Amino acid sequence: MKAVAVDYGEARMGLAGTDALGMLAHPVETVAGRPWPEAARRIAAVVGERGAEVVVMGLPVRMDGTEGTAAEKVRRFAEELVRHLGAGVRIEYQDEYGSTLEAAADLRASGRKARRQRPVIDQAAAVVILRDWLEARRVREGLD
């Protein structure tokens, strides 16, 4: 199953996509976070170009499992995005706790200096979100 993940941010949104088999996650691009309709149109275009069936939105869930105002913003943006997606494309949510920290660590491990991370950190965080979603899906569906 092909999917595109979104690391939502007010300024920038990172996108990641699966490979043709829907098994591996890789960075795709960074989209300006405002205005929402333009961001939603661009993300919907990427989803269409990639033939994705699912958009995985990173959801900032608190340590106690509750959702706050940041999660509300993600859900509101997802409502905007739905208006632009093709028929049959669904939105799912994945807890994004720690995704940016993990992405920064991955970038450092690859040799990228901190000041050079900013342009790609959102994409890298989307990769982490998508990897987590793929793993949860494999476990849920008994694919391992």
Protein backbone atom coordinates (compact mmCIF):
# COMPACT_ATOMS: atom_id res chain seq x y z
CA MET A 1 0.00 0.00 0.00
CA LYS A 2 1.47 3.34 -1.05
CA ALA A 3 1.35 6.15 1.47
CA VAL A 4 2.50 9.74 1.93
CA ALA A 5 3.28 11.05 5.41
CA VAL A 6 2.98 14.68 6.50
CA ASP A 7 4.96 16.25 9.32
CA TYR A 8 2.69 19.25 9.93
CA GLY A 9 4.21 22.60 10.81
CA GLU A 10 2.88 26.12 10.65
CA ALA A 11 5.86 27.32 8.60
CA ARG A 12 6.80 24.12 6.76
CA MET A 13 5.44 20.62 6.24
CA GLY A 14 7.72 17.73 5.46
CA LEU A 15 6.53 14.97 3.16
CA ALA A 16 7.74 11.39 2.93
CA GLY A 17 6.54 8.59 0.71
CA THR A 18 6.72 4.85 0.48
CA ASP A 19 8.48 2.96 -2.26
CA ALA A 20 6.49 1.22 -5.02
CA LEU A 21 5.91 -1.79 -2.76
CA GLY A 22 4.76 0.32 0.19
CA MET A 23 7.48 -1.06 2.44
CA LEU A 24 10.17 1.62 2.78
CA ALA A 25 9.93 5.33 3.61
CA HIS A 26 11.96 8.08 1.97
CA PRO A 27 11.89 11.91 1.95
CA VAL A 28 9.88 13.61 -0.79
CA GLU A 29 9.77 17.38 -0.32
CA THR A 30 9.04 20.29 1.99
CA VAL A 31 5.89 22.37 1.46
CA ALA A 32 5.22 25.87 2.80
CA GLY A 33 2.73 25.60 5.67
CA ARG A 34 0.73 28.68 4.75
CA PRO A 35 -1.70 29.39 3.26
CA TRP A 36 -3.46 26.13 4.06
CA PRO A 37 -5.35 25.78 0.75
CA GLU A 38 -2.10 26.03 -1.22
CA ALA A 39 -0.33 23.57 1.08
CA ALA A 40 -3.26 21.16 0.83
CA ARG A 41 -3.33 21.42 -2.98
CA ARG A 42 0.40 20.70 -3.22
CA ILE A 43 0.19 17.73 -0.85
CA ALA A 44 -2.83 16.38 -2.75
CA ALA A 45 -0.85 16.72 -5.99
CA VAL A 46 2.05 14.72 -4.49
CA VAL A 47 -0.40 12.08 -3.26
CA GLY A 48 -1.89 11.82 -6.75
CA GLU A 49 1.50 11.74 -8.50
CA ARG A 50 2.65 8.92 -6.23
CA GLY A 51 -0.60 6.95 -6.45
CA ALA A 52 -0.89 6.91 -2.66
CA GLU A 53 -3.96 5.42 -1.03
CA VAL A 54 -3.26 6.80 2.44
CA VAL A 55 -2.05 10.10 3.86
CA VAL A 56 -0.45 9.59 7.27
CA MET A 57 -0.62 12.74 9.37
CA GLY A 58 1.84 13.00 12.23
CA LEU A 59 -0.22 13.70 15.35
CA PRO A 60 1.41 15.36 18.37
CA VAL A 61 0.04 13.33 21.26
CA ARG A 62 1.02 14.29 24.80
CA MET A 63 2.92 11.91 27.08
CA ASP A 64 -0.36 11.09 28.89
CA GLY A 65 -2.00 10.14 25.58
CA THR A 66 -4.24 13.20 25.32
CA GLU A 67 -4.37 15.65 22.45
CA GLY A 68 -3.80 19.38 22.84
CA THR A 69 -4.05 22.43 20.62
CA ALA A 70 -1.23 21.24 18.34
CA ALA A 71 -3.15 18.04 17.58
CA GLU A 72 -6.30 20.10 16.95
CA LYS A 73 -4.40 22.12 14.32
CA VAL A 74 -3.25 18.92 12.61
CA ARG A 75 -6.80 17.58 12.53
CA ARG A 76 -8.14 20.90 11.17
CA PHE A 77 -5.50 20.91 8.45
CA ALA A 78 -6.42 17.30 7.60
CA GLU A 79 -10.02 18.47 7.09
CA GLU A 80 -8.72 21.03 4.58
CA LEU A 81 -6.57 18.39 2.90
CA VAL A 82 -9.52 16.00 2.47
CA ARG A 83 -11.21 18.61 0.26
CA HIS A 84 -8.34 18.33 -2.21
CA LEU A 85 -7.65 14.58 -2.18
CA GLY A 86 -8.92 12.21 -4.82
CA ALA A 87 -11.67 9.69 -4.17
CA GLY A 88 -10.56 6.67 -2.22
CA VAL A 89 -7.62 8.36 -0.48
CA ARG A 90 -7.98 8.19 3.28
CA ILE A 91 -6.25 9.96 6.14
CA GLU A 92 -4.76 8.11 9.07
CA TYR A 93 -2.92 9.50 12.09
CA GLN A 94 0.35 8.37 13.63
CA ASP A 95 1.73 9.54 16.96
CA GLU A 96 4.70 11.71 16.06
CA TYR A 97 6.20 11.88 19.54
CA GLY A 98 9.95 12.29 19.22
CA SER A 99 9.97 12.24 15.41
CA THR A 100 11.89 15.50 15.01
CA LEU A 101 14.47 14.49 17.62
CA GLU A 102 14.91 11.10 15.95
CA ALA A 103 15.15 12.77 12.55
CA ALA A 104 17.83 15.17 13.80
CA ALA A 105 19.79 12.25 15.23
CA ASP A 106 19.49 10.37 11.92
CA LEU A 107 20.74 13.43 10.02
CA ARG A 108 23.67 13.89 12.42
CA ALA A 109 24.54 10.21 12.06
CA SER A 110 24.60 10.67 8.28
CA GLY A 111 27.15 13.46 8.70
CA ARG A 112 24.86 16.44 8.12
CA LYS A 113 25.83 19.39 10.30
CA ALA A 114 23.13 21.03 12.44
CA ARG A 115 22.96 24.23 10.38
CA ARG A 116 22.41 22.19 7.20
CA GLN A 117 19.56 20.18 8.72
CA ARG A 118 16.90 22.89 8.62
CA PRO A 119 15.95 22.52 4.93
CA VAL A 120 15.40 18.76 5.30
CA ILE A 121 14.50 18.20 8.97
CA ASP A 122 10.77 18.27 8.23
CA GLN A 123 11.14 15.67 5.49
CA ALA A 124 13.27 13.53 7.79
CA ALA A 125 10.62 13.79 10.53
CA ALA A 126 7.98 12.71 7.98
CA VAL A 127 10.17 9.69 7.18
CA VAL A 128 10.21 8.76 10.88
CA ILE A 129 6.42 9.15 11.09
CA LEU A 130 5.95 6.98 8.00
CA ARG A 131 8.40 4.32 9.24
CA ASP A 132 6.51 4.15 12.55
CA TRP A 133 3.19 3.86 10.70
CA LEU A 134 4.55 1.12 8.41
CA GLU A 135 5.86 -0.83 11.41
CA ALA A 136 2.56 -0.47 13.30
CA ARG A 137 0.71 -1.63 10.16
CA ARG A 138 2.98 -4.67 9.81
CA VAL A 139 2.38 -5.62 13.44
CA ARG A 140 -1.36 -4.94 13.21
CA GLU A 141 -1.73 -7.02 10.06
CA GLY A 142 0.71 -9.72 11.13
CA LEU A 143 3.04 -9.08 8.21
CA ASP A 144 6.25 -9.70 10.15
